[in-house]
Amino acid sequence: MKKFFTFLIVAALSFTTNLYAQSEDTKFLIGAGLNYATDISNIGLSVDGTYLINEDWEAAAGFTYFFEKNYVNWSMLDFDGHYVFHNNNGLIAYGLAGLNVTFYKIDFGDTYRDMGDYGEYGDLWGDLLDDVSDASKGSDIGLNLGAGIRYGLSDKLLFTGEAKYTVSSGGFLTLTAGVAYCF
């Protein structure tokens, strides 16, 4: 799985680097921010990159890592297209649609085994816990739909904000606030 993500990141960077080299007017944004996801009910840190194709269209990719909560680690990859519908006086507003891959890992470790006494059902619970793996992990693919804004704080630094809903078997709303640097 790590090789797959490494491949995706290298491919995305080489793709955007090649596109950037083809045009002097092209801009690339690198950003970071804080996220909150409703059904995950937790805060995460994100990094993202946006390629400004032309005045109306943009391509974006991002990775978010959510802090561990209740023995569960969440992270997600987003690949979105943006359509800019407002660009005036440093304020840019866009609609977005794209692909989301959400990953989870549940890891109880030795938490329950270390408790020692399982009450009157001690033998049963002990046997069951021995049969169950300490860690469970998986992923879910969904569709992102939402909107975002960027506001110029200076020539190179932008404030960013996004709200998007991920349509999947465990759909959720993600709210993001951050900054981006324009190259």
N, C-alpha and C. Protein backbone atom coordinates (compact mmCIF):
# COMPACT_ATOMS: atom_id res chain seq x y z
N MET A 1 0.82 -1.18 0.00
CA MET A 1 0.00 0.00 0.00
C MET A 1 0.88 1.25 0.00
N LYS A 2 1.98 1.23 0.75
CA LYS A 2 2.88 2.38 0.80
C LYS A 2 3.50 2.63 -0.58
N LYS A 3 3.83 1.55 -1.29
CA LYS A 3 4.39 1.71 -2.63
C LYS A 3 3.39 2.37 -3.57
N PHE A 4 2.12 2.00 -3.43
CA PHE A 4 1.06 2.58 -4.26
C PHE A 4 0.96 4.08 -4.03
N PHE A 5 0.97 4.52 -2.76
CA PHE A 5 0.87 5.94 -2.45
C PHE A 5 2.11 6.69 -2.91
N THR A 6 3.26 6.10 -2.74
CA THR A 6 4.48 6.73 -3.22
C THR A 6 4.41 6.92 -4.73
N PHE A 7 3.94 5.91 -5.44
CA PHE A 7 3.78 6.01 -6.89
C PHE A 7 2.81 7.13 -7.25
N LEU A 8 1.66 7.21 -6.56
CA LEU A 8 0.68 8.25 -6.86
C LEU A 8 1.25 9.65 -6.65
N ILE A 9 1.96 9.85 -5.57
CA ILE A 9 2.53 11.16 -5.27
C ILE A 9 3.58 11.54 -6.31
N VAL A 10 4.47 10.61 -6.64
CA VAL A 10 5.50 10.89 -7.65
C VAL A 10 4.86 11.17 -9.00
N ALA A 11 3.86 10.39 -9.37
CA ALA A 11 3.18 10.60 -10.65
C ALA A 11 2.49 11.96 -10.69
N ALA A 12 1.82 12.33 -9.61
CA ALA A 12 1.13 13.63 -9.57
C ALA A 12 2.13 14.78 -9.65
N LEU A 13 3.23 14.66 -8.91
CA LEU A 13 4.24 15.73 -8.95
C LEU A 13 4.89 15.85 -10.32
N SER A 14 5.21 14.73 -10.94
CA SER A 14 5.84 14.80 -12.27
C SER A 14 4.85 15.32 -13.30
N PHE A 15 3.57 14.96 -13.19
CA PHE A 15 2.55 15.45 -14.11
C PHE A 15 2.41 16.96 -13.99
N THR A 16 2.29 17.46 -12.75
CA THR A 16 2.13 18.90 -12.57
C THR A 16 3.41 19.65 -12.91
N THR A 17 4.57 19.06 -12.67
CA THR A 17 5.83 19.71 -13.03
C THR A 17 5.93 19.84 -14.54
N ASN A 18 5.57 18.78 -15.28
CA ASN A 18 5.61 18.85 -16.74
C ASN A 18 4.63 19.89 -17.27
N LEU A 19 3.43 19.96 -16.71
CA LEU A 19 2.46 20.95 -17.15
C LEU A 19 2.94 22.36 -16.82
N TYR A 20 3.56 22.51 -15.66
CA TYR A 20 4.06 23.81 -15.24
C TYR A 20 5.16 24.29 -16.19
N ALA A 21 6.01 23.39 -16.63
CA ALA A 21 7.12 23.76 -17.51
C ALA A 21 6.64 24.15 -18.90
N GLN A 22 5.44 23.75 -19.29
CA GLN A 22 4.96 24.02 -20.63
C GLN A 22 4.43 25.44 -20.80
N SER A 23 4.11 26.13 -19.73
CA SER A 23 3.51 27.45 -19.84
C SER A 23 4.09 28.39 -18.80
N GLU A 24 4.46 29.59 -19.24
CA GLU A 24 5.01 30.57 -18.31
C GLU A 24 3.92 31.17 -17.42
N ASP A 25 2.67 31.13 -17.85
CA ASP A 25 1.57 31.72 -17.10
C ASP A 25 0.99 30.78 -16.04
N THR A 26 1.43 29.55 -16.01
CA THR A 26 0.88 28.56 -15.12
C THR A 26 1.26 28.86 -13.67
N LYS A 27 0.31 28.60 -12.77
CA LYS A 27 0.57 28.78 -11.34
C LYS A 27 0.28 27.48 -10.61
N PHE A 28 1.05 27.23 -9.59
CA PHE A 28 0.91 26.04 -8.78
C PHE A 28 0.82 26.49 -7.33
N LEU A 29 -0.13 25.97 -6.58
CA LEU A 29 -0.31 26.32 -5.18
C LEU A 29 0.01 25.11 -4.30
N ILE A 30 0.74 25.35 -3.24
CA ILE A 30 1.01 24.33 -2.22
C ILE A 30 0.42 24.85 -0.92
N GLY A 31 -0.38 24.02 -0.24
CA GLY A 31 -1.04 24.50 0.96
C GLY A 31 -1.07 23.50 2.09
N ALA A 32 -1.49 24.00 3.25
CA ALA A 32 -1.67 23.17 4.44
C ALA A 32 -2.84 23.74 5.22
N GLY A 33 -3.51 22.88 5.97
CA GLY A 33 -4.67 23.37 6.71
C GLY A 33 -5.14 22.42 7.79
N LEU A 34 -6.20 22.84 8.46
CA LEU A 34 -6.88 22.04 9.47
C LEU A 34 -8.22 21.60 8.90
N ASN A 35 -8.57 20.35 9.14
CA ASN A 35 -9.83 19.79 8.65
C ASN A 35 -10.65 19.29 9.83
N TYR A 36 -11.97 19.32 9.63
CA TYR A 36 -12.88 18.66 10.56
C TYR A 36 -13.85 17.84 9.73
N ALA A 37 -13.97 16.56 10.03
CA ALA A 37 -14.89 15.67 9.31
C ALA A 37 -16.00 15.26 10.26
N THR A 38 -17.26 15.38 9.81
CA THR A 38 -18.40 15.19 10.70
C THR A 38 -18.53 13.76 11.23
N ASP A 39 -18.64 12.76 10.37
CA ASP A 39 -18.84 11.40 10.87
C ASP A 39 -17.58 10.81 11.48
N ILE A 40 -16.43 11.30 11.09
CA ILE A 40 -15.18 10.90 11.74
C ILE A 40 -15.08 11.60 13.09
N SER A 41 -15.71 12.75 13.22
CA SER A 41 -15.77 13.55 14.47
C SER A 41 -14.40 13.84 15.03
N ASN A 42 -13.53 14.33 14.15
CA ASN A 42 -12.18 14.59 14.60
C ASN A 42 -11.52 15.65 13.73
N ILE A 43 -10.43 16.22 14.24
CA ILE A 43 -9.65 17.22 13.52
C ILE A 43 -8.45 16.55 12.88
N GLY A 44 -8.10 17.03 11.69
CA GLY A 44 -6.95 16.49 10.98
C GLY A 44 -6.10 17.59 10.37
N LEU A 45 -4.91 17.21 9.94
CA LEU A 45 -3.99 18.10 9.24
C LEU A 45 -3.93 17.69 7.78
N SER A 46 -3.92 18.67 6.88
CA SER A 46 -3.90 18.35 5.46
C SER A 46 -2.78 19.10 4.74
N VAL A 47 -2.31 18.49 3.67
CA VAL A 47 -1.41 19.13 2.71
C VAL A 47 -2.02 18.92 1.33
N ASP A 48 -1.89 19.93 0.49
CA ASP A 48 -2.49 19.80 -0.83
C ASP A 48 -1.74 20.63 -1.86
N GLY A 49 -1.99 20.30 -3.10
CA GLY A 49 -1.42 21.03 -4.22
C GLY A 49 -2.51 21.30 -5.24
N THR A 50 -2.48 22.48 -5.85
CA THR A 50 -3.46 22.86 -6.85
C THR A 50 -2.73 23.38 -8.08
N TYR A 51 -3.14 22.88 -9.22
CA TYR A 51 -2.59 23.33 -10.50
C TYR A 51 -3.65 24.17 -11.19
N LEU A 52 -3.32 25.44 -11.50
CA LEU A 52 -4.25 26.35 -12.16
C LEU A 52 -4.13 26.14 -13.67
N ILE A 53 -5.04 25.38 -14.24
CA ILE A 53 -5.00 25.03 -15.66
C ILE A 53 -5.22 26.27 -16.52
N ASN A 54 -6.29 27.01 -16.24
CA ASN A 54 -6.58 28.28 -16.90
C ASN A 54 -7.42 29.11 -15.95
N GLU A 55 -8.05 30.18 -16.43
CA GLU A 55 -8.82 31.04 -15.54
C GLU A 55 -10.04 30.36 -14.93
N ASP A 56 -10.54 29.32 -15.60
CA ASP A 56 -11.77 28.67 -15.14
C ASP A 56 -11.56 27.31 -14.48
N TRP A 57 -10.52 26.60 -14.79
CA TRP A 57 -10.35 25.22 -14.34
C TRP A 57 -9.06 25.02 -13.55
N GLU A 58 -9.17 24.17 -12.52
CA GLU A 58 -8.03 23.81 -11.67
C GLU A 58 -8.09 22.32 -11.35
N ALA A 59 -6.94 21.74 -11.09
CA ALA A 59 -6.84 20.35 -10.63
C ALA A 59 -6.16 20.36 -9.27
N ALA A 60 -6.69 19.59 -8.33
CA ALA A 60 -6.15 19.60 -6.96
C ALA A 60 -6.02 18.18 -6.43
N ALA A 61 -5.01 17.98 -5.60
CA ALA A 61 -4.81 16.71 -4.91
C ALA A 61 -4.40 17.03 -3.47
N GLY A 62 -4.88 16.22 -2.54
CA GLY A 62 -4.55 16.48 -1.15
C GLY A 62 -4.55 15.22 -0.30
N PHE A 63 -3.86 15.30 0.83
CA PHE A 63 -3.80 14.21 1.79
C PHE A 63 -4.13 14.78 3.16
N THR A 64 -4.99 14.09 3.91
CA THR A 64 -5.35 14.52 5.26
C THR A 64 -5.13 13.37 6.23
N TYR A 65 -4.51 13.68 7.35
CA TYR A 65 -4.31 12.71 8.43
C TYR A 65 -5.10 13.22 9.64
N PHE A 66 -6.01 12.39 10.13
CA PHE A 66 -6.80 12.74 11.30
C PHE A 66 -6.13 12.13 12.54
N PHE A 67 -6.15 12.88 13.62
CA PHE A 67 -5.56 12.41 14.87
C PHE A 67 -6.32 11.18 15.37
N GLU A 68 -5.60 10.28 16.04
CA GLU A 68 -6.20 9.05 16.55
C GLU A 68 -7.28 9.38 17.58
N LYS A 69 -8.38 8.65 17.46
CA LYS A 69 -9.47 8.83 18.42
C LYS A 69 -10.17 7.49 18.60
N ASN A 70 -10.35 7.06 19.84
CA ASN A 70 -11.02 5.79 20.15
C ASN A 70 -10.40 4.61 19.41
N TYR A 71 -9.09 4.54 19.39
CA TYR A 71 -8.33 3.45 18.78
C TYR A 71 -8.42 3.42 17.25
N VAL A 72 -8.93 4.48 16.63
CA VAL A 72 -9.09 4.50 15.17
C VAL A 72 -8.24 5.62 14.58
N ASN A 73 -7.46 5.29 13.54
CA ASN A 73 -6.72 6.27 12.74
C ASN A 73 -7.42 6.40 11.40
N TRP A 74 -7.69 7.63 10.97
CA TRP A 74 -8.31 7.90 9.67
C TRP A 74 -7.35 8.74 8.84
N SER A 75 -7.36 8.55 7.54
CA SER A 75 -6.66 9.43 6.61
C SER A 75 -7.41 9.39 5.29
N MET A 76 -7.17 10.38 4.45
CA MET A 76 -7.85 10.39 3.16
C MET A 76 -7.03 11.08 2.09
N LEU A 77 -7.23 10.60 0.88
CA LEU A 77 -6.67 11.19 -0.34
C LEU A 77 -7.80 11.77 -1.15
N ASP A 78 -7.61 12.98 -1.66
CA ASP A 78 -8.62 13.62 -2.49
C ASP A 78 -8.00 14.04 -3.82
N PHE A 79 -8.72 13.78 -4.90
CA PHE A 79 -8.34 14.22 -6.24
C PHE A 79 -9.55 14.96 -6.81
N ASP A 80 -9.47 16.30 -6.88
CA ASP A 80 -10.62 17.12 -7.24
C ASP A 80 -10.35 18.00 -8.44
N GLY A 81 -11.42 18.32 -9.15
CA GLY A 81 -11.40 19.33 -10.18
C GLY A 81 -12.18 20.53 -9.67
N HIS A 82 -11.68 21.74 -9.95
CA HIS A 82 -12.34 22.96 -9.50
C HIS A 82 -12.82 23.73 -10.72
N TYR A 83 -14.01 24.28 -10.65
CA TYR A 83 -14.49 25.22 -11.66
C TYR A 83 -14.66 26.58 -10.98
N VAL A 84 -13.85 27.56 -11.40
CA VAL A 84 -13.86 28.90 -10.80
C VAL A 84 -15.05 29.67 -11.37
N PHE A 85 -15.98 30.07 -10.49
CA PHE A 85 -17.13 30.84 -10.95
C PHE A 85 -17.10 32.29 -10.48
N HIS A 86 -16.13 32.66 -9.63
CA HIS A 86 -15.98 34.04 -9.19
C HIS A 86 -14.50 34.33 -8.98
N ASN A 87 -14.01 35.41 -9.60
CA ASN A 87 -12.61 35.82 -9.45
C ASN A 87 -12.58 37.35 -9.51
N ASN A 88 -12.61 37.99 -8.33
CA ASN A 88 -12.69 39.43 -8.30
C ASN A 88 -12.05 39.96 -7.02
N ASN A 89 -11.18 40.97 -7.15
CA ASN A 89 -10.56 41.66 -6.01
C ASN A 89 -9.89 40.72 -5.02
N GLY A 90 -9.20 39.72 -5.51
CA GLY A 90 -8.46 38.80 -4.65
C GLY A 90 -9.28 37.68 -4.06
N LEU A 91 -10.59 37.65 -4.32
CA LEU A 91 -11.45 36.58 -3.83
C LEU A 91 -11.80 35.64 -4.98
N ILE A 92 -11.48 34.38 -4.79
CA ILE A 92 -11.78 33.35 -5.79
C ILE A 92 -12.73 32.35 -5.14
N ALA A 93 -13.83 32.04 -5.84
CA ALA A 93 -14.78 31.03 -5.36
C ALA A 93 -14.93 29.97 -6.45
N TYR A 94 -15.02 28.72 -6.03
CA TYR A 94 -15.09 27.62 -6.99
C TYR A 94 -15.98 26.49 -6.47
N GLY A 95 -16.53 25.76 -7.42
CA GLY A 95 -17.22 24.52 -7.11
C GLY A 95 -16.25 23.38 -7.34
N LEU A 96 -16.46 22.26 -6.69
CA LEU A 96 -15.52 21.15 -6.86
C LEU A 96 -16.25 19.82 -6.94
N ALA A 97 -15.62 18.91 -7.62
CA ALA A 97 -16.08 17.52 -7.69
C ALA A 97 -14.84 16.65 -7.86
N GLY A 98 -14.87 15.45 -7.32
CA GLY A 98 -13.70 14.60 -7.45
C GLY A 98 -13.85 13.28 -6.73
N LEU A 99 -12.72 12.62 -6.60
CA LEU A 99 -12.63 11.29 -6.02
C LEU A 99 -11.98 11.37 -4.64
N ASN A 100 -12.53 10.60 -3.70
CA ASN A 100 -11.99 10.52 -2.35
C ASN A 100 -11.71 9.06 -2.02
N VAL A 101 -10.58 8.81 -1.40
CA VAL A 101 -10.27 7.49 -0.86
C VAL A 101 -10.00 7.70 0.63
N THR A 102 -10.84 7.10 1.46
CA THR A 102 -10.72 7.22 2.91
C THR A 102 -10.18 5.91 3.47
N PHE A 103 -9.15 6.02 4.31
CA PHE A 103 -8.51 4.86 4.91
C PHE A 103 -8.75 4.88 6.42
N TYR A 104 -8.89 3.70 7.00
CA TYR A 104 -9.03 3.60 8.44
C TYR A 104 -8.20 2.43 8.95
N LYS A 105 -7.80 2.56 10.21
CA LYS A 105 -7.10 1.48 10.88
C LYS A 105 -7.55 1.48 12.34
N ILE A 106 -8.08 0.34 12.77
CA ILE A 106 -8.51 0.17 14.15
C ILE A 106 -7.46 -0.70 14.82
N ASP A 107 -6.89 -0.18 15.90
CA ASP A 107 -5.83 -0.92 16.57
C ASP A 107 -6.04 -0.86 18.08
N PHE A 108 -6.51 -1.97 18.64
CA PHE A 108 -6.71 -2.05 20.08
C PHE A 108 -5.43 -2.43 20.81
N GLY A 109 -4.45 -2.95 20.08
CA GLY A 109 -3.22 -3.38 20.72
C GLY A 109 -3.50 -4.41 21.79
N ASP A 110 -2.87 -4.27 22.93
CA ASP A 110 -3.08 -5.20 24.03
C ASP A 110 -4.02 -4.62 25.09
N THR A 111 -4.78 -3.60 24.73
CA THR A 111 -5.63 -2.90 25.70
C THR A 111 -6.54 -3.85 26.46
N TYR A 112 -7.29 -4.69 25.76
CA TYR A 112 -8.24 -5.57 26.43
C TYR A 112 -7.55 -6.78 27.04
N ARG A 113 -6.50 -7.25 26.44
CA ARG A 113 -5.79 -8.40 27.00
C ARG A 113 -5.10 -8.03 28.32
N ASP A 114 -4.68 -6.76 28.42
CA ASP A 114 -4.00 -6.32 29.63
C ASP A 114 -4.95 -6.17 30.82
N MET A 115 -6.25 -6.18 30.56
CA MET A 115 -7.21 -6.03 31.65
C MET A 115 -7.20 -7.25 32.57
N GLY A 116 -6.79 -8.39 32.01
CA GLY A 116 -6.64 -9.58 32.82
C GLY A 116 -7.94 -10.30 33.12
N ASP A 117 -8.80 -9.73 33.93
CA ASP A 117 -10.03 -10.40 34.34
C ASP A 117 -11.18 -9.96 33.45
N TYR A 118 -11.85 -10.92 32.82
CA TYR A 118 -12.98 -10.61 31.95
C TYR A 118 -14.30 -10.97 32.64
N GLY A 119 -14.30 -11.08 33.93
CA GLY A 119 -15.52 -11.40 34.67
C GLY A 119 -15.85 -12.87 34.58
N GLU A 120 -17.15 -13.20 34.74
CA GLU A 120 -17.57 -14.60 34.75
C GLU A 120 -17.39 -15.27 33.38
N TYR A 121 -17.25 -14.47 32.33
CA TYR A 121 -17.06 -15.02 30.98
C TYR A 121 -15.59 -14.94 30.56
N GLY A 122 -14.70 -14.88 31.53
CA GLY A 122 -13.28 -14.70 31.28
C GLY A 122 -12.68 -15.63 30.25
N ASP A 123 -12.99 -16.93 30.35
CA ASP A 123 -12.42 -17.88 29.39
C ASP A 123 -12.92 -17.62 27.98
N LEU A 124 -14.22 -17.34 27.86
CA LEU A 124 -14.80 -17.08 26.55
C LEU A 124 -14.20 -15.84 25.91
N TRP A 125 -14.15 -14.72 26.66
CA TRP A 125 -13.61 -13.48 26.10
C TRP A 125 -12.13 -13.63 25.79
N GLY A 126 -11.41 -14.28 26.64
CA GLY A 126 -9.98 -14.48 26.39
C GLY A 126 -9.75 -15.25 25.10
N ASP A 127 -10.54 -16.33 24.88
CA ASP A 127 -10.40 -17.11 23.65
C ASP A 127 -10.79 -16.29 22.42
N LEU A 128 -11.88 -15.53 22.55
CA LEU A 128 -12.31 -14.71 21.42
C LEU A 128 -11.27 -13.66 21.05
N LEU A 129 -10.71 -13.00 22.06
CA LEU A 129 -9.70 -11.98 21.79
C LEU A 129 -8.44 -12.58 21.20
N ASP A 130 -8.13 -13.81 21.56
CA ASP A 130 -6.97 -14.47 20.96
C ASP A 130 -7.20 -14.78 19.49
N ASP A 131 -8.47 -15.01 19.12
CA ASP A 131 -8.79 -15.33 17.72
C ASP A 131 -8.90 -14.08 16.84
N VAL A 132 -9.13 -12.93 17.43
CA VAL A 132 -9.31 -11.69 16.66
C VAL A 132 -7.98 -10.98 16.52
N SER A 133 -7.73 -10.47 15.34
CA SER A 133 -6.51 -9.69 15.10
C SER A 133 -6.53 -8.43 15.94
N ASP A 134 -5.36 -7.97 16.34
CA ASP A 134 -5.25 -6.74 17.11
C ASP A 134 -5.55 -5.52 16.25
N ALA A 135 -5.38 -5.60 14.94
CA ALA A 135 -5.57 -4.45 14.06
C ALA A 135 -6.45 -4.84 12.88
N SER A 136 -7.29 -3.91 12.51
CA SER A 136 -8.14 -4.09 11.35
C SER A 136 -8.02 -2.82 10.52
N LYS A 137 -7.91 -2.97 9.22
CA LYS A 137 -7.78 -1.77 8.39
C LYS A 137 -8.54 -1.97 7.09
N GLY A 138 -8.84 -0.85 6.45
CA GLY A 138 -9.58 -0.91 5.20
C GLY A 138 -9.67 0.47 4.57
N SER A 139 -10.44 0.54 3.49
CA SER A 139 -10.61 1.81 2.78
C SER A 139 -11.99 1.87 2.16
N ASP A 140 -12.37 3.07 1.77
CA ASP A 140 -13.66 3.31 1.15
C ASP A 140 -13.46 4.38 0.08
N ILE A 141 -14.08 4.21 -1.07
CA ILE A 141 -13.97 5.18 -2.16
C ILE A 141 -15.28 5.95 -2.24
N GLY A 142 -15.17 7.26 -2.45
CA GLY A 142 -16.35 8.10 -2.52
C GLY A 142 -16.20 9.22 -3.53
N LEU A 143 -17.26 9.98 -3.70
CA LEU A 143 -17.30 11.10 -4.61
C LEU A 143 -17.38 12.39 -3.80
N ASN A 144 -16.49 13.35 -4.09
CA ASN A 144 -16.49 14.64 -3.41
C ASN A 144 -17.35 15.63 -4.19
N LEU A 145 -18.18 16.38 -3.49
CA LEU A 145 -18.96 17.48 -4.06
C LEU A 145 -18.91 18.63 -3.07
N GLY A 146 -18.58 19.84 -3.55
CA GLY A 146 -18.51 20.95 -2.61
C GLY A 146 -18.14 22.26 -3.26
N ALA A 147 -17.65 23.18 -2.43
CA ALA A 147 -17.25 24.51 -2.88
C ALA A 147 -16.10 25.00 -2.01
N GLY A 148 -15.36 25.97 -2.54
CA GLY A 148 -14.24 26.53 -1.79
C GLY A 148 -13.98 27.97 -2.15
N ILE A 149 -13.15 28.62 -1.33
CA ILE A 149 -12.75 29.99 -1.59
C ILE A 149 -11.25 30.13 -1.34
N ARG A 150 -10.68 31.13 -1.97
CA ARG A 150 -9.30 31.56 -1.70
C ARG A 150 -9.31 33.07 -1.66
N TYR A 151 -8.58 33.64 -0.72
CA TYR A 151 -8.49 35.09 -0.62
C TYR A 151 -7.03 35.46 -0.47
N GLY A 152 -6.57 36.39 -1.29
CA GLY A 152 -5.17 36.81 -1.27
C GLY A 152 -4.82 37.62 -0.04
N LEU A 153 -3.91 37.11 0.77
CA LEU A 153 -3.40 37.84 1.93
C LEU A 153 -2.21 38.71 1.53
N SER A 154 -1.47 38.25 0.50
CA SER A 154 -0.36 38.99 -0.09
C SER A 154 -0.21 38.50 -1.53
N ASP A 155 0.86 38.89 -2.20
CA ASP A 155 1.06 38.45 -3.59
C ASP A 155 1.22 36.94 -3.69
N LYS A 156 1.80 36.33 -2.70
CA LYS A 156 2.10 34.89 -2.76
C LYS A 156 1.35 34.04 -1.74
N LEU A 157 0.75 34.62 -0.73
CA LEU A 157 0.10 33.87 0.34
C LEU A 157 -1.42 34.05 0.27
N LEU A 158 -2.14 32.93 0.35
CA LEU A 158 -3.59 32.92 0.23
C LEU A 158 -4.23 32.23 1.42
N PHE A 159 -5.39 32.74 1.85
CA PHE A 159 -6.23 32.04 2.80
C PHE A 159 -7.13 31.11 2.00
N THR A 160 -7.33 29.86 2.47
CA THR A 160 -8.19 28.91 1.76
C THR A 160 -9.25 28.36 2.70
N GLY A 161 -10.39 28.05 2.12
CA GLY A 161 -11.47 27.42 2.87
C GLY A 161 -12.28 26.53 1.94
N GLU A 162 -12.71 25.40 2.44
CA GLU A 162 -13.49 24.46 1.63
C GLU A 162 -14.53 23.77 2.49
N ALA A 163 -15.64 23.45 1.85
CA ALA A 163 -16.66 22.60 2.45
C ALA A 163 -17.02 21.58 1.38
N LYS A 164 -16.88 20.30 1.71
CA LYS A 164 -17.24 19.27 0.73
C LYS A 164 -17.85 18.07 1.42
N TYR A 165 -18.79 17.48 0.71
CA TYR A 165 -19.43 16.28 1.20
C TYR A 165 -18.91 15.11 0.40
N THR A 166 -18.51 14.05 1.09
CA THR A 166 -18.04 12.83 0.44
C THR A 166 -19.18 11.83 0.43
N VAL A 167 -19.64 11.50 -0.77
CA VAL A 167 -20.72 10.54 -0.95
C VAL A 167 -20.09 9.16 -1.03
N SER A 168 -20.36 8.32 -0.03
CA SER A 168 -19.82 6.95 0.03
C SER A 168 -20.69 6.15 0.98
N SER A 169 -20.29 4.93 1.27
CA SER A 169 -21.07 4.11 2.19
C SER A 169 -21.09 4.72 3.60
N GLY A 170 -20.07 5.48 3.95
CA GLY A 170 -20.02 6.19 5.22
C GLY A 170 -19.82 7.67 4.96
N GLY A 171 -20.73 8.32 4.23
CA GLY A 171 -20.58 9.70 3.80
C GLY A 171 -20.37 10.67 4.96
N PHE A 172 -19.65 11.76 4.68
CA PHE A 172 -19.36 12.75 5.71
C PHE A 172 -19.06 14.10 5.08
N LEU A 173 -19.22 15.16 5.87
CA LEU A 173 -18.91 16.52 5.47
C LEU A 173 -17.54 16.88 6.03
N THR A 174 -16.70 17.50 5.20
CA THR A 174 -15.38 17.95 5.63
C THR A 174 -15.30 19.46 5.48
N LEU A 175 -14.88 20.15 6.54
CA LEU A 175 -14.65 21.59 6.53
C LEU A 175 -13.16 21.83 6.69
N THR A 176 -12.60 22.69 5.84
CA THR A 176 -11.17 22.93 5.83
C THR A 176 -10.87 24.42 5.85
N ALA A 177 -9.86 24.83 6.62
CA ALA A 177 -9.34 26.19 6.62
C ALA A 177 -7.83 26.09 6.61
N GLY A 178 -7.19 26.90 5.77
CA GLY A 178 -5.73 26.82 5.70
C GLY A 178 -5.12 27.97 4.94
N VAL A 179 -3.87 27.80 4.58
CA VAL A 179 -3.13 28.77 3.78
C VAL A 179 -2.48 28.05 2.61
N ALA A 180 -2.21 28.81 1.57
CA ALA A 180 -1.53 28.26 0.40
C ALA A 180 -0.50 29.26 -0.08
N TYR A 181 0.57 28.75 -0.64
CA TYR A 181 1.63 29.57 -1.20
C TYR A 181 1.59 29.42 -2.72
N CYS A 182 1.64 30.52 -3.44
CA CYS A 182 1.54 30.51 -4.90
C CYS A 182 2.93 30.56 -5.53
N PHE A 183 3.21 29.61 -6.41
CA PHE A 183 4.48 29.58 -7.14
C PHE A 183 4.31 30.16 -8.52
